[in-house]
Structure formats: C-alpha cells, structure tokens
Amino acid sequence: MSLRNKLVMVLMLLLSGCATYGREFDMAAVDKIVIGQTTKAEVIALFGSPIGISKTGDGHTYLAYSYSHATMGGAEVQTLSVAIDRDGKVENTFTNSTNSTISIKQ
C-alpha cells in the first residue's frame, strides 16, 4: 500500500466522527446489587475499576462508572453511581442509559 493510500485511510478514520469514552459495562448486572448487603468489593468485581471514586466527610463513598459512544448517526450513554455506606455496603444506586439516533432529512 502506498503512502498516499495510507494517509487517505487515516484521514477517513479521523473524519468518521466517532468517539468513545469510558469502558462499556453490563447495566443488567445492576440487578445483582442488593441494597444493604452487596459490598464495595463485590461492586468492583461486577463492574471493574470505577472511573471515579469520591469520599464524603461523613464516611460515604461513591463509585462512578460511565461509558459513552458517539457516531455521526447517534449516541449511546451509560452511567452508574453507587453509594457505599460507612460499613462498606451499598446504600443506593443511580443509573442512566440512553441510546439516541440522529437522522437528517433533506
């Protein structure tokens, strides 16, 4: 393959308008979390390392998971936040999942 063809391929990939952030995870696994029983270690075993960990002054910890994938035709977004109490057990979960398609009519 010539250098020109390689450059054209790279340019096409750059202009394809595709972007990904985070690591995809299984939203259905949220159903395996039992409030007051599931531990922080078990959440990490289910979803992997979080993209962010926040600790509050009152001893709570929040684990954040996020994945987004966008193309010229739409976007998929998944977010999960897990609140861990002072005893290391899940107190709450917050989820959001969207899948949108963009269509252009001319």
N, C-alpha and C. Protein backbone atom coordinates (compact mmCIF):
# COMPACT_ATOMS: atom_id res chain seq x y z
N MET A 1 0.85 -1.17 0.00
CA MET A 1 0.00 0.00 0.00
C MET A 1 0.89 1.24 0.00
N SER A 2 0.58 2.17 -0.87
CA SER A 2 1.40 3.37 -0.99
C SER A 2 1.17 4.30 0.20
N LEU A 3 2.10 5.20 0.41
CA LEU A 3 1.98 6.18 1.49
C LEU A 3 0.74 7.03 1.30
N ARG A 4 0.43 7.38 0.06
CA ARG A 4 -0.76 8.19 -0.21
C ARG A 4 -2.02 7.45 0.24
N ASN A 5 -2.13 6.17 -0.08
CA ASN A 5 -3.30 5.39 0.31
C ASN A 5 -3.40 5.27 1.83
N LYS A 6 -2.27 5.11 2.50
CA LYS A 6 -2.27 5.04 3.97
C LYS A 6 -2.77 6.35 4.57
N LEU A 7 -2.30 7.48 4.01
CA LEU A 7 -2.73 8.78 4.50
C LEU A 7 -4.23 8.99 4.27
N VAL A 8 -4.73 8.54 3.14
CA VAL A 8 -6.16 8.65 2.86
C VAL A 8 -6.96 7.83 3.86
N MET A 9 -6.50 6.63 4.19
CA MET A 9 -7.19 5.79 5.16
C MET A 9 -7.21 6.45 6.54
N VAL A 10 -6.07 6.99 6.96
CA VAL A 10 -6.00 7.66 8.26
C VAL A 10 -6.94 8.86 8.28
N LEU A 11 -6.96 9.64 7.22
CA LEU A 11 -7.83 10.79 7.13
C LEU A 11 -9.30 10.38 7.20
N MET A 12 -9.66 9.31 6.52
CA MET A 12 -11.04 8.81 6.56
C MET A 12 -11.42 8.40 7.97
N LEU A 13 -10.52 7.75 8.69
CA LEU A 13 -10.82 7.35 10.06
C LEU A 13 -11.01 8.57 10.96
N LEU A 14 -10.17 9.58 10.77
CA LEU A 14 -10.28 10.79 11.58
C LEU A 14 -11.57 11.54 11.31
N LEU A 15 -12.04 11.52 10.09
CA LEU A 15 -13.24 12.25 9.71
C LEU A 15 -14.52 11.44 9.91
N SER A 16 -14.40 10.22 10.37
CA SER A 16 -15.59 9.38 10.51
C SER A 16 -16.51 9.85 11.63
N GLY A 17 -16.03 10.72 12.52
CA GLY A 17 -16.89 11.29 13.54
C GLY A 17 -17.29 10.31 14.62
N CYS A 18 -16.39 9.51 15.08
CA CYS A 18 -16.67 8.50 16.09
C CYS A 18 -15.84 8.81 17.34
N ALA A 19 -16.47 8.72 18.51
CA ALA A 19 -15.75 8.97 19.76
C ALA A 19 -16.28 8.04 20.84
N THR A 20 -15.37 7.53 21.68
CA THR A 20 -15.74 6.65 22.79
C THR A 20 -15.06 7.13 24.06
N TYR A 21 -15.81 7.09 25.17
CA TYR A 21 -15.28 7.48 26.47
C TYR A 21 -15.65 6.40 27.48
N GLY A 22 -14.73 6.06 28.35
CA GLY A 22 -15.01 5.08 29.40
C GLY A 22 -14.92 3.65 28.90
N ARG A 23 -15.40 2.75 29.71
CA ARG A 23 -15.38 1.32 29.39
C ARG A 23 -16.81 0.79 29.50
N GLU A 24 -17.27 0.11 28.46
CA GLU A 24 -18.62 -0.43 28.45
C GLU A 24 -18.80 -1.43 29.60
N PHE A 25 -19.97 -1.40 30.22
CA PHE A 25 -20.27 -2.35 31.30
C PHE A 25 -21.70 -2.85 31.15
N ASP A 26 -22.02 -3.93 31.82
CA ASP A 26 -23.32 -4.58 31.71
C ASP A 26 -24.31 -3.95 32.68
N MET A 27 -25.24 -3.13 32.16
CA MET A 27 -26.23 -2.47 33.01
C MET A 27 -27.15 -3.49 33.69
N ALA A 28 -27.34 -4.65 33.06
CA ALA A 28 -28.20 -5.68 33.66
C ALA A 28 -27.62 -6.20 34.97
N ALA A 29 -26.30 -6.06 35.15
CA ALA A 29 -25.66 -6.52 36.38
C ALA A 29 -26.07 -5.68 37.59
N VAL A 30 -26.65 -4.50 37.36
CA VAL A 30 -27.13 -3.67 38.47
C VAL A 30 -28.17 -4.44 39.28
N ASP A 31 -28.93 -5.30 38.62
CA ASP A 31 -29.95 -6.11 39.31
C ASP A 31 -29.34 -7.08 40.32
N LYS A 32 -28.06 -7.36 40.20
CA LYS A 32 -27.38 -8.26 41.14
C LYS A 32 -27.00 -7.56 42.45
N ILE A 33 -27.08 -6.23 42.45
CA ILE A 33 -26.73 -5.47 43.66
C ILE A 33 -27.91 -5.51 44.62
N VAL A 34 -27.63 -5.89 45.86
CA VAL A 34 -28.66 -5.93 46.90
C VAL A 34 -28.34 -4.82 47.91
N ILE A 35 -29.25 -3.85 48.01
CA ILE A 35 -29.06 -2.73 48.92
C ILE A 35 -28.89 -3.25 50.35
N GLY A 36 -27.85 -2.75 51.02
CA GLY A 36 -27.58 -3.16 52.40
C GLY A 36 -26.81 -4.45 52.55
N GLN A 37 -26.57 -5.16 51.45
CA GLN A 37 -25.84 -6.44 51.52
C GLN A 37 -24.60 -6.47 50.63
N THR A 38 -24.74 -6.00 49.39
CA THR A 38 -23.61 -6.04 48.46
C THR A 38 -22.51 -5.10 48.96
N THR A 39 -21.26 -5.58 48.91
CA THR A 39 -20.13 -4.79 49.39
C THR A 39 -19.47 -4.01 48.26
N LYS A 40 -18.65 -3.06 48.64
CA LYS A 40 -17.87 -2.28 47.66
C LYS A 40 -17.02 -3.23 46.81
N ALA A 41 -16.37 -4.20 47.43
CA ALA A 41 -15.53 -5.15 46.70
C ALA A 41 -16.36 -5.95 45.69
N GLU A 42 -17.58 -6.30 46.04
CA GLU A 42 -18.44 -7.05 45.13
C GLU A 42 -18.88 -6.18 43.94
N VAL A 43 -19.12 -4.89 44.18
CA VAL A 43 -19.47 -3.99 43.09
C VAL A 43 -18.30 -3.90 42.11
N ILE A 44 -17.09 -3.76 42.64
CA ILE A 44 -15.91 -3.67 41.79
C ILE A 44 -15.69 -4.98 41.04
N ALA A 45 -16.00 -6.11 41.66
CA ALA A 45 -15.89 -7.40 40.97
C ALA A 45 -16.89 -7.48 39.82
N LEU A 46 -18.08 -6.89 40.00
CA LEU A 46 -19.11 -6.92 38.95
C LEU A 46 -18.79 -5.98 37.78
N PHE A 47 -18.31 -4.78 38.09
CA PHE A 47 -18.17 -3.74 37.07
C PHE A 47 -16.73 -3.33 36.76
N GLY A 48 -15.78 -3.82 37.51
CA GLY A 48 -14.40 -3.41 37.30
C GLY A 48 -14.09 -2.14 38.06
N SER A 49 -12.91 -1.60 37.80
CA SER A 49 -12.49 -0.38 38.48
C SER A 49 -13.35 0.79 38.02
N PRO A 50 -13.84 1.59 38.94
CA PRO A 50 -14.65 2.76 38.56
C PRO A 50 -13.79 3.84 37.91
N ILE A 51 -14.43 4.73 37.14
CA ILE A 51 -13.68 5.84 36.55
C ILE A 51 -13.45 6.94 37.58
N GLY A 52 -14.20 6.89 38.67
CA GLY A 52 -14.03 7.89 39.72
C GLY A 52 -14.51 7.37 41.06
N ILE A 53 -13.84 7.79 42.12
CA ILE A 53 -14.23 7.45 43.49
C ILE A 53 -14.24 8.75 44.28
N SER A 54 -15.37 9.02 44.94
CA SER A 54 -15.50 10.21 45.79
C SER A 54 -15.80 9.77 47.20
N LYS A 55 -15.19 10.45 48.17
CA LYS A 55 -15.45 10.18 49.58
C LYS A 55 -15.99 11.44 50.22
N THR A 56 -17.00 11.28 51.06
CA THR A 56 -17.59 12.41 51.76
C THR A 56 -17.09 12.47 53.19
N GLY A 57 -17.30 13.60 53.82
CA GLY A 57 -16.85 13.79 55.19
C GLY A 57 -17.56 12.88 56.19
N ASP A 58 -18.75 12.40 55.84
CA ASP A 58 -19.49 11.54 56.77
C ASP A 58 -19.21 10.06 56.57
N GLY A 59 -18.19 9.73 55.76
CA GLY A 59 -17.77 8.33 55.62
C GLY A 59 -18.37 7.58 54.45
N HIS A 60 -19.17 8.23 53.63
CA HIS A 60 -19.74 7.57 52.45
C HIS A 60 -18.75 7.62 51.29
N THR A 61 -18.85 6.64 50.42
CA THR A 61 -18.03 6.57 49.22
C THR A 61 -18.95 6.42 48.02
N TYR A 62 -18.61 7.09 46.94
CA TYR A 62 -19.38 6.98 45.70
C TYR A 62 -18.48 6.46 44.59
N LEU A 63 -18.92 5.39 43.95
CA LEU A 63 -18.20 4.81 42.82
C LEU A 63 -18.92 5.24 41.54
N ALA A 64 -18.17 5.76 40.58
CA ALA A 64 -18.76 6.24 39.33
C ALA A 64 -18.28 5.40 38.16
N TYR A 65 -19.24 4.98 37.34
CA TYR A 65 -18.97 4.24 36.11
C TYR A 65 -19.65 4.99 34.97
N SER A 66 -18.97 5.11 33.84
CA SER A 66 -19.54 5.83 32.71
C SER A 66 -18.98 5.28 31.40
N TYR A 67 -19.86 5.21 30.42
CA TYR A 67 -19.47 4.80 29.07
C TYR A 67 -20.29 5.61 28.08
N SER A 68 -19.65 6.14 27.08
CA SER A 68 -20.39 6.80 26.00
C SER A 68 -19.69 6.52 24.67
N HIS A 69 -20.51 6.35 23.67
CA HIS A 69 -20.02 6.09 22.33
C HIS A 69 -20.88 6.92 21.37
N ALA A 70 -20.24 7.80 20.63
CA ALA A 70 -20.97 8.67 19.70
C ALA A 70 -20.44 8.49 18.29
N THR A 71 -21.37 8.51 17.37
CA THR A 71 -21.03 8.48 15.95
C THR A 71 -21.82 9.60 15.27
N MET A 72 -21.61 9.76 14.00
CA MET A 72 -22.38 10.76 13.26
C MET A 72 -23.87 10.42 13.27
N GLY A 73 -24.22 9.16 13.52
CA GLY A 73 -25.62 8.74 13.46
C GLY A 73 -26.31 8.65 14.80
N GLY A 74 -25.61 8.86 15.91
CA GLY A 74 -26.28 8.77 17.21
C GLY A 74 -25.30 8.60 18.35
N ALA A 75 -25.85 8.30 19.52
CA ALA A 75 -25.01 8.16 20.70
C ALA A 75 -25.62 7.17 21.67
N GLU A 76 -24.76 6.50 22.40
CA GLU A 76 -25.15 5.59 23.48
C GLU A 76 -24.42 6.06 24.73
N VAL A 77 -25.16 6.22 25.83
CA VAL A 77 -24.57 6.68 27.08
C VAL A 77 -25.08 5.79 28.22
N GLN A 78 -24.15 5.34 29.06
CA GLN A 78 -24.49 4.57 30.26
C GLN A 78 -23.77 5.20 31.44
N THR A 79 -24.48 5.44 32.54
CA THR A 79 -23.84 5.91 33.75
C THR A 79 -24.38 5.13 34.94
N LEU A 80 -23.51 4.90 35.89
CA LEU A 80 -23.85 4.21 37.12
C LEU A 80 -23.08 4.86 38.25
N SER A 81 -23.80 5.22 39.30
CA SER A 81 -23.18 5.73 40.51
C SER A 81 -23.66 4.85 41.66
N VAL A 82 -22.73 4.40 42.47
CA VAL A 82 -23.06 3.51 43.58
C VAL A 82 -22.62 4.18 44.88
N ALA A 83 -23.59 4.37 45.79
CA ALA A 83 -23.29 4.95 47.10
C ALA A 83 -23.00 3.83 48.08
N ILE A 84 -21.84 3.91 48.73
CA ILE A 84 -21.40 2.92 49.71
C ILE A 84 -21.46 3.57 51.10
N ASP A 85 -22.08 2.90 52.07
CA ASP A 85 -22.18 3.47 53.41
C ASP A 85 -20.89 3.27 54.20
N ARG A 86 -20.88 3.74 55.43
CA ARG A 86 -19.68 3.65 56.29
C ARG A 86 -19.26 2.21 56.58
N ASP A 87 -20.21 1.28 56.48
CA ASP A 87 -19.91 -0.12 56.74
C ASP A 87 -19.42 -0.86 55.49
N GLY A 88 -19.30 -0.14 54.37
CA GLY A 88 -18.80 -0.76 53.15
C GLY A 88 -19.86 -1.48 52.34
N LYS A 89 -21.15 -1.21 52.64
CA LYS A 89 -22.25 -1.86 51.92
C LYS A 89 -22.96 -0.84 51.03
N VAL A 90 -23.57 -1.33 49.95
CA VAL A 90 -24.28 -0.46 49.02
C VAL A 90 -25.50 0.15 49.71
N GLU A 91 -25.59 1.47 49.60
CA GLU A 91 -26.73 2.20 50.18
C GLU A 91 -27.75 2.56 49.09
N ASN A 92 -27.27 2.96 47.91
CA ASN A 92 -28.12 3.33 46.77
C ASN A 92 -27.37 3.13 45.47
N THR A 93 -28.13 3.00 44.41
CA THR A 93 -27.55 3.03 43.06
C THR A 93 -28.33 4.04 42.23
N PHE A 94 -27.64 4.68 41.33
CA PHE A 94 -28.25 5.64 40.42
C PHE A 94 -27.79 5.27 39.02
N THR A 95 -28.73 5.04 38.11
CA THR A 95 -28.38 4.62 36.76
C THR A 95 -29.03 5.51 35.70
N ASN A 96 -28.40 5.55 34.55
CA ASN A 96 -28.97 6.23 33.39
C ASN A 96 -28.43 5.53 32.15
N SER A 97 -29.32 5.25 31.23
CA SER A 97 -28.92 4.62 29.97
C SER A 97 -29.75 5.21 28.85
N THR A 98 -29.08 5.75 27.85
CA THR A 98 -29.79 6.31 26.70
C THR A 98 -29.14 5.84 25.42
N ASN A 99 -29.95 5.73 24.41
CA ASN A 99 -29.47 5.36 23.09
C ASN A 99 -30.26 6.21 22.11
N SER A 100 -29.59 7.12 21.44
CA SER A 100 -30.29 8.02 20.53
C SER A 100 -29.75 7.88 19.12
N THR A 101 -30.63 8.13 18.18
CA THR A 101 -30.27 8.08 16.76
C THR A 101 -30.53 9.45 16.16
N ILE A 102 -29.61 9.90 15.38
CA ILE A 102 -29.75 11.18 14.71
C ILE A 102 -30.07 10.90 13.25
N SER A 103 -31.13 11.50 12.76
CA SER A 103 -31.45 11.34 11.33
C SER A 103 -31.55 12.72 10.69
N ILE A 104 -31.08 12.82 9.49
CA ILE A 104 -31.11 14.07 8.76
C ILE A 104 -31.97 13.86 7.51
N LYS A 105 -32.99 14.70 7.38
CA LYS A 105 -33.85 14.62 6.19
C LYS A 105 -33.53 15.81 5.30
N GLN A 106 -33.42 15.53 4.04
CA GLN A 106 -33.12 16.60 3.08
C GLN A 106 -34.18 16.68 2.03
